[in-house]
Amino acid sequence: MVERLCARYKAALTTLAEGLSKPRARRKPEEVHERIGRLKAKHRRVARYYTLRVSVDRVEPVT
């Protein structure tokens, strides 16, 4: 049962990561951390087994 829950958690994290590459994605670090927090709350039984690190690349917009 835990394996199935882990698979769902990994799938949700993958969906989150793929969504960041889309053009209109919310990329602010605060919003990404909030989404990760929601996933951790939703999958609290298996989230404790994972450590997530978010790296922020500061790229200035071209005007």
PDB file of N, CA and C in Angstrom:
ATOM      1  N   MET A   1       0.821  -1.189   0.000  1.00  0.00           N
ATOM      2  CA  MET A   1       0.000   0.000   0.000  1.00  0.00           C
ATOM      3  C   MET A   1       0.872   1.263   0.000  1.00  0.00           C
ATOM      4  N   VAL A   2       1.954   1.213   0.753  1.00  0.00           N
ATOM      5  CA  VAL A   2       2.834   2.377   0.812  1.00  0.00           C
ATOM      6  C   VAL A   2       3.466   2.634  -0.556  1.00  0.00           C
ATOM      7  N   GLU A   3       3.782   1.575  -1.287  1.00  0.00           N
ATOM      8  CA  GLU A   3       4.377   1.744  -2.619  1.00  0.00           C
ATOM      9  C   GLU A   3       3.420   2.482  -3.546  1.00  0.00           C
ATOM     10  N   ARG A   4       2.143   2.161  -3.451  1.00  0.00           N
ATOM     11  CA  ARG A   4       1.146   2.809  -4.304  1.00  0.00           C
ATOM     12  C   ARG A   4       1.025   4.288  -3.935  1.00  0.00           C
ATOM     13  N   LEU A   5       1.041   4.587  -2.641  1.00  0.00           N
ATOM     14  CA  LEU A   5       0.964   5.975  -2.200  1.00  0.00           C
ATOM     15  C   LEU A   5       2.211   6.743  -2.614  1.00  0.00           C
ATOM     16  N   CYS A   6       3.368   6.091  -2.538  1.00  0.00           N
ATOM     17  CA  CYS A   6       4.613   6.731  -2.986  1.00  0.00           C
ATOM     18  C   CYS A   6       4.564   7.037  -4.476  1.00  0.00           C
ATOM     19  N   ALA A   7       4.013   6.119  -5.239  1.00  0.00           N
ATOM     20  CA  ALA A   7       3.897   6.330  -6.683  1.00  0.00           C
ATOM     21  C   ALA A   7       2.995   7.523  -6.983  1.00  0.00           C
ATOM     22  N   ARG A   8       1.914   7.666  -6.235  1.00  0.00           N
ATOM     23  CA  ARG A   8       1.017   8.807  -6.437  1.00  0.00           C
ATOM     24  C   ARG A   8       1.707  10.114  -6.076  1.00  0.00           C
ATOM     25  N   TYR A   9       2.465  10.101  -4.999  1.00  0.00           N
ATOM     26  CA  TYR A   9       3.189  11.306  -4.570  1.00  0.00           C
ATOM     27  C   TYR A   9       4.231  11.690  -5.612  1.00  0.00           C
ATOM     28  N   LYS A  10       4.977  10.713  -6.109  1.00  0.00           N
ATOM     29  CA  LYS A  10       5.976  10.981  -7.145  1.00  0.00           C
ATOM     30  C   LYS A  10       5.324  11.514  -8.411  1.00  0.00           C
ATOM     31  N   ALA A  11       4.159  10.955  -8.771  1.00  0.00           N
ATOM     32  CA  ALA A  11       3.447  11.425  -9.960  1.00  0.00           C
ATOM     33  C   ALA A  11       2.995  12.874  -9.781  1.00  0.00           C
ATOM     34  N   ALA A  12       2.537  13.222  -8.595  1.00  0.00           N
ATOM     35  CA  ALA A  12       2.122  14.600  -8.327  1.00  0.00           C
ATOM     36  C   ALA A  12       3.307  15.553  -8.397  1.00  0.00           C
ATOM     37  N   LEU A  13       4.461  15.133  -7.881  1.00  0.00           N
ATOM     38  CA  LEU A  13       5.661  15.966  -7.956  1.00  0.00           C
ATOM     39  C   LEU A  13       6.139  16.122  -9.396  1.00  0.00           C
ATOM     40  N   THR A  14       6.028  15.065 -10.169  1.00  0.00           N
ATOM     41  CA  THR A  14       6.407  15.130 -11.582  1.00  0.00           C
ATOM     42  C   THR A  14       5.499  16.087 -12.333  1.00  0.00           C
ATOM     43  N   THR A  15       4.209  16.036 -12.046  1.00  0.00           N
ATOM     44  CA  THR A  15       3.258  16.946 -12.679  1.00  0.00           C
ATOM     45  C   THR A  15       3.583  18.391 -12.319  1.00  0.00           C
ATOM     46  N   LEU A  16       3.939  18.626 -11.077  1.00  0.00           N
ATOM     47  CA  LEU A  16       4.329  19.959 -10.636  1.00  0.00           C
ATOM     48  C   LEU A  16       5.569  20.427 -11.393  1.00  0.00           C
ATOM     49  N   ALA A  17       6.561  19.564 -11.504  1.00  0.00           N
ATOM     50  CA  ALA A  17       7.808  19.917 -12.198  1.00  0.00           C
ATOM     51  C   ALA A  17       7.561  20.178 -13.682  1.00  0.00           C
ATOM     52  N   GLU A  18       6.734  19.372 -14.306  1.00  0.00           N
ATOM     53  CA  GLU A  18       6.436  19.574 -15.727  1.00  0.00           C
ATOM     54  C   GLU A  18       5.655  20.860 -15.938  1.00  0.00           C
ATOM     55  N   GLY A  19       4.804  21.197 -14.994  1.00  0.00           N
ATOM     56  CA  GLY A  19       4.014  22.413 -15.116  1.00  0.00           C
ATOM     57  C   GLY A  19       4.844  23.673 -15.061  1.00  0.00           C
ATOM     58  N   LEU A  20       6.002  23.605 -14.429  1.00  0.00           N
ATOM     59  CA  LEU A  20       6.858  24.788 -14.343  1.00  0.00           C
ATOM     60  C   LEU A  20       7.479  25.162 -15.677  1.00  0.00           C
ATOM     61  N   SER A  21       7.533  24.233 -16.601  1.00  0.00           N
ATOM     62  CA  SER A  21       8.128  24.534 -17.901  1.00  0.00           C
ATOM     63  C   SER A  21       7.119  25.116 -18.889  1.00  0.00           C
ATOM     64  N   LYS A  22       5.863  25.165 -18.505  1.00  0.00           N
ATOM     65  CA  LYS A  22       4.840  25.724 -19.392  1.00  0.00           C
ATOM     66  C   LYS A  22       4.905  27.246 -19.356  1.00  0.00           C
ATOM     67  N   PRO A  23       4.466  27.898 -20.439  1.00  0.00           N
ATOM     68  CA  PRO A  23       4.654  29.344 -20.556  1.00  0.00           C
ATOM     69  C   PRO A  23       3.949  30.181 -19.481  1.00  0.00           C
ATOM     70  N   ARG A  24       2.784  29.801 -19.054  1.00  0.00           N
ATOM     71  CA  ARG A  24       2.043  30.626 -18.093  1.00  0.00           C
ATOM     72  C   ARG A  24       2.064  30.060 -16.684  1.00  0.00           C
ATOM     73  N   ALA A  25       3.070  29.303 -16.376  1.00  0.00           N
ATOM     74  CA  ALA A  25       3.176  28.679 -15.057  1.00  0.00           C
ATOM     75  C   ALA A  25       3.509  29.717 -13.999  1.00  0.00           C
ATOM     76  N   ARG A  26       3.080  29.439 -12.787  1.00  0.00           N
ATOM     77  CA  ARG A  26       3.433  30.293 -11.659  1.00  0.00           C
ATOM     78  C   ARG A  26       4.798  29.844 -11.157  1.00  0.00           C
ATOM     79  N   ARG A  27       5.779  30.693 -11.339  1.00  0.00           N
ATOM     80  CA  ARG A  27       7.151  30.300 -11.030  1.00  0.00           C
ATOM     81  C   ARG A  27       7.739  31.009  -9.821  1.00  0.00           C
ATOM     82  N   LYS A  28       6.984  31.833  -9.175  1.00  0.00           N
ATOM     83  CA  LYS A  28       7.527  32.517  -8.003  1.00  0.00           C
ATOM     84  C   LYS A  28       7.863  31.475  -6.945  1.00  0.00           C
ATOM     85  N   PRO A  29       9.009  31.622  -6.305  1.00  0.00           N
ATOM     86  CA  PRO A  29       9.419  30.624  -5.308  1.00  0.00           C
ATOM     87  C   PRO A  29       8.385  30.422  -4.201  1.00  0.00           C
ATOM     88  N   GLU A  30       7.726  31.485  -3.783  1.00  0.00           N
ATOM     89  CA  GLU A  30       6.721  31.358  -2.724  1.00  0.00           C
ATOM     90  C   GLU A  30       5.558  30.483  -3.176  1.00  0.00           C
ATOM     91  N   GLU A  31       5.154  30.652  -4.427  1.00  0.00           N
ATOM     92  CA  GLU A  31       4.031  29.870  -4.954  1.00  0.00           C
ATOM     93  C   GLU A  31       4.418  28.406  -5.136  1.00  0.00           C
ATOM     94  N   VAL A  32       5.651  28.169  -5.553  1.00  0.00           N
ATOM     95  CA  VAL A  32       6.120  26.793  -5.713  1.00  0.00           C
ATOM     96  C   VAL A  32       6.185  26.106  -4.351  1.00  0.00           C
ATOM     97  N   HIS A  33       6.691  26.811  -3.349  1.00  0.00           N
ATOM     98  CA  HIS A  33       6.750  26.241  -2.003  1.00  0.00           C
ATOM     99  C   HIS A  33       5.347  25.968  -1.457  1.00  0.00           C
ATOM    100  N   GLU A  34       4.408  26.838  -1.787  1.00  0.00           N
ATOM    101  CA  GLU A  34       3.029  26.628  -1.350  1.00  0.00           C
ATOM    102  C   GLU A  34       2.436  25.380  -1.996  1.00  0.00           C
ATOM    103  N   ARG A  35       2.698  25.190  -3.271  1.00  0.00           N
ATOM    104  CA  ARG A  35       2.192  23.998  -3.959  1.00  0.00           C
ATOM    105  C   ARG A  35       2.824  22.731  -3.395  1.00  0.00           C
ATOM    106  N   ILE A  36       4.114  22.802  -3.081  1.00  0.00           N
ATOM    107  CA  ILE A  36       4.776  21.646  -2.477  1.00  0.00           C
ATOM    108  C   ILE A  36       4.190  21.366  -1.100  1.00  0.00           C
ATOM    109  N   GLY A  37       3.925  22.408  -0.342  1.00  0.00           N
ATOM    110  CA  GLY A  37       3.312  22.236   0.970  1.00  0.00           C
ATOM    111  C   GLY A  37       1.947  21.586   0.888  1.00  0.00           C
ATOM    112  N   ARG A  38       1.172  21.952  -0.105  1.00  0.00           N
ATOM    113  CA  ARG A  38      -0.138  21.331  -0.297  1.00  0.00           C
ATOM    114  C   ARG A  38      -0.009  19.860  -0.649  1.00  0.00           C
ATOM    115  N   LEU A  39       0.973  19.543  -1.482  1.00  0.00           N
ATOM    116  CA  LEU A  39       1.202  18.132  -1.816  1.00  0.00           C
ATOM    117  C   LEU A  39       1.637  17.341  -0.587  1.00  0.00           C
ATOM    118  N   LYS A  40       2.488  17.946   0.236  1.00  0.00           N
ATOM    119  CA  LYS A  40       2.925  17.269   1.460  1.00  0.00           C
ATOM    120  C   LYS A  40       1.751  17.037   2.401  1.00  0.00           C
ATOM    121  N   ALA A  41       0.854  18.001   2.482  1.00  0.00           N
ATOM    122  CA  ALA A  41      -0.315  17.838   3.348  1.00  0.00           C
ATOM    123  C   ALA A  41      -1.254  16.767   2.809  1.00  0.00           C
ATOM    124  N   LYS A  42      -1.393  16.720   1.508  1.00  0.00           N
ATOM    125  CA  LYS A  42      -2.289  15.744   0.896  1.00  0.00           C
ATOM    126  C   LYS A  42      -1.735  14.329   1.020  1.00  0.00           C
ATOM    127  N   HIS A  43      -0.418  14.188   0.892  1.00  0.00           N
ATOM    128  CA  HIS A  43       0.236  12.878   0.923  1.00  0.00           C
ATOM    129  C   HIS A  43       1.099  12.747   2.178  1.00  0.00           C
ATOM    130  N   ARG A  44       0.543  13.076   3.318  1.00  0.00           N
ATOM    131  CA  ARG A  44       1.343  13.157   4.537  1.00  0.00           C
ATOM    132  C   ARG A  44       1.888  11.815   5.007  1.00  0.00           C
ATOM    133  N   ARG A  45       1.267  10.715   4.599  1.00  0.00           N
ATOM    134  CA  ARG A  45       1.751   9.400   5.038  1.00  0.00           C
ATOM    135  C   ARG A  45       3.085   9.038   4.392  1.00  0.00           C
ATOM    136  N   VAL A  46       3.310   9.514   3.180  1.00  0.00           N
ATOM    137  CA  VAL A  46       4.550   9.154   2.485  1.00  0.00           C
ATOM    138  C   VAL A  46       5.496  10.334   2.300  1.00  0.00           C
ATOM    139  N   ALA A  47       5.018  11.550   2.477  1.00  0.00           N
ATOM    140  CA  ALA A  47       5.858  12.732   2.250  1.00  0.00           C
ATOM    141  C   ALA A  47       7.027  12.780   3.229  1.00  0.00           C
ATOM    142  N   ARG A  48       6.862  12.175   4.375  1.00  0.00           N
ATOM    143  CA  ARG A  48       7.940  12.213   5.380  1.00  0.00           C
ATOM    144  C   ARG A  48       9.164  11.409   4.947  1.00  0.00           C
ATOM    145  N   TYR A  49       9.014  10.541   3.971  1.00  0.00           N
ATOM    146  CA  TYR A  49      10.133   9.737   3.489  1.00  0.00           C
ATOM    147  C   TYR A  49      10.983  10.469   2.450  1.00  0.00           C
ATOM    148  N   TYR A  50      10.539  11.643   2.022  1.00  0.00           N
ATOM    149  CA  TYR A  50      11.215  12.372   0.951  1.00  0.00           C
ATOM    150  C   TYR A  50      11.698  13.727   1.449  1.00  0.00           C
ATOM    151  N   THR A  51      12.835  14.144   0.917  1.00  0.00           N
ATOM    152  CA  THR A  51      13.363  15.477   1.162  1.00  0.00           C
ATOM    153  C   THR A  51      13.388  16.203  -0.174  1.00  0.00           C
ATOM    154  N   LEU A  52      12.747  17.354  -0.225  1.00  0.00           N
ATOM    155  CA  LEU A  52      12.663  18.107  -1.474  1.00  0.00           C
ATOM    156  C   LEU A  52      13.520  19.355  -1.369  1.00  0.00           C
ATOM    157  N   ARG A  53      14.236  19.640  -2.440  1.00  0.00           N
ATOM    158  CA  ARG A  53      15.027  20.856  -2.532  1.00  0.00           C
ATOM    159  C   ARG A  53      14.590  21.622  -3.766  1.00  0.00           C
ATOM    160  N   VAL A  54      14.406  22.916  -3.603  1.00  0.00           N
ATOM    161  CA  VAL A  54      14.006  23.776  -4.711  1.00  0.00           C
ATOM    162  C   VAL A  54      15.151  24.721  -4.998  1.00  0.00           C
ATOM    163  N   SER A  55      15.595  24.726  -6.228  1.00  0.00           N
ATOM    164  CA  SER A  55      16.644  25.671  -6.619  1.00  0.00           C
ATOM    165  C   SER A  55      16.004  26.764  -7.475  1.00  0.00           C
ATOM    166  N   VAL A  56      16.422  27.982  -7.212  1.00  0.00           N
ATOM    167  CA  VAL A  56      15.847  29.141  -7.896  1.00  0.00           C
ATOM    168  C   VAL A  56      16.896  29.727  -8.817  1.00  0.00           C
ATOM    169  N   ASP A  57      16.550  29.837 -10.076  1.00  0.00           N
ATOM    170  CA  ASP A  57      17.404  30.495 -11.061  1.00  0.00           C
ATOM    171  C   ASP A  57      16.824  31.872 -11.310  1.00  0.00           C
ATOM    172  N   ARG A  58      17.592  32.871 -10.959  1.00  0.00           N
ATOM    173  CA  ARG A  58      17.128  34.246 -11.160  1.00  0.00           C
ATOM    174  C   ARG A  58      17.555  34.710 -12.543  1.00  0.00           C
ATOM    175  N   VAL A  59      16.610  34.738 -13.445  1.00  0.00           N
ATOM    176  CA  VAL A  59      16.868  35.218 -14.798  1.00  0.00           C
ATOM    177  C   VAL A  59      16.060  36.499 -14.976  1.00  0.00           C
ATOM    178  N   GLU A  60      16.745  37.557 -15.330  1.00  0.00           N
ATOM    179  CA  GLU A  60      16.075  38.837 -15.523  1.00  0.00           C
ATOM    180  C   GLU A  60      15.308  38.833 -16.837  1.00  0.00           C
ATOM    181  N   PRO A  61      14.085  39.358 -16.835  1.00  0.00           N
ATOM    182  CA  PRO A  61      13.309  39.415 -18.089  1.00  0.00           C
ATOM    183  C   PRO A  61      13.936  40.375 -19.087  1.00  0.00           C
ATOM    184  N   VAL A  62      13.851  40.010 -20.325  1.00  0.00           N
ATOM    185  CA  VAL A  62      14.394  40.847 -21.401  1.00  0.00           C
ATOM    186  C   VAL A  62      13.333  41.849 -21.800  1.00  0.00           C
ATOM    187  N   THR A  63      13.710  43.138 -21.851  1.00  0.00           N
ATOM    188  CA  THR A  63      12.740  44.166 -22.231  1.00  0.00           C
ATOM    189  C   THR A  63      13.151  44.837 -23.504  1.00  0.00           C
TER     190      THR A  63
END
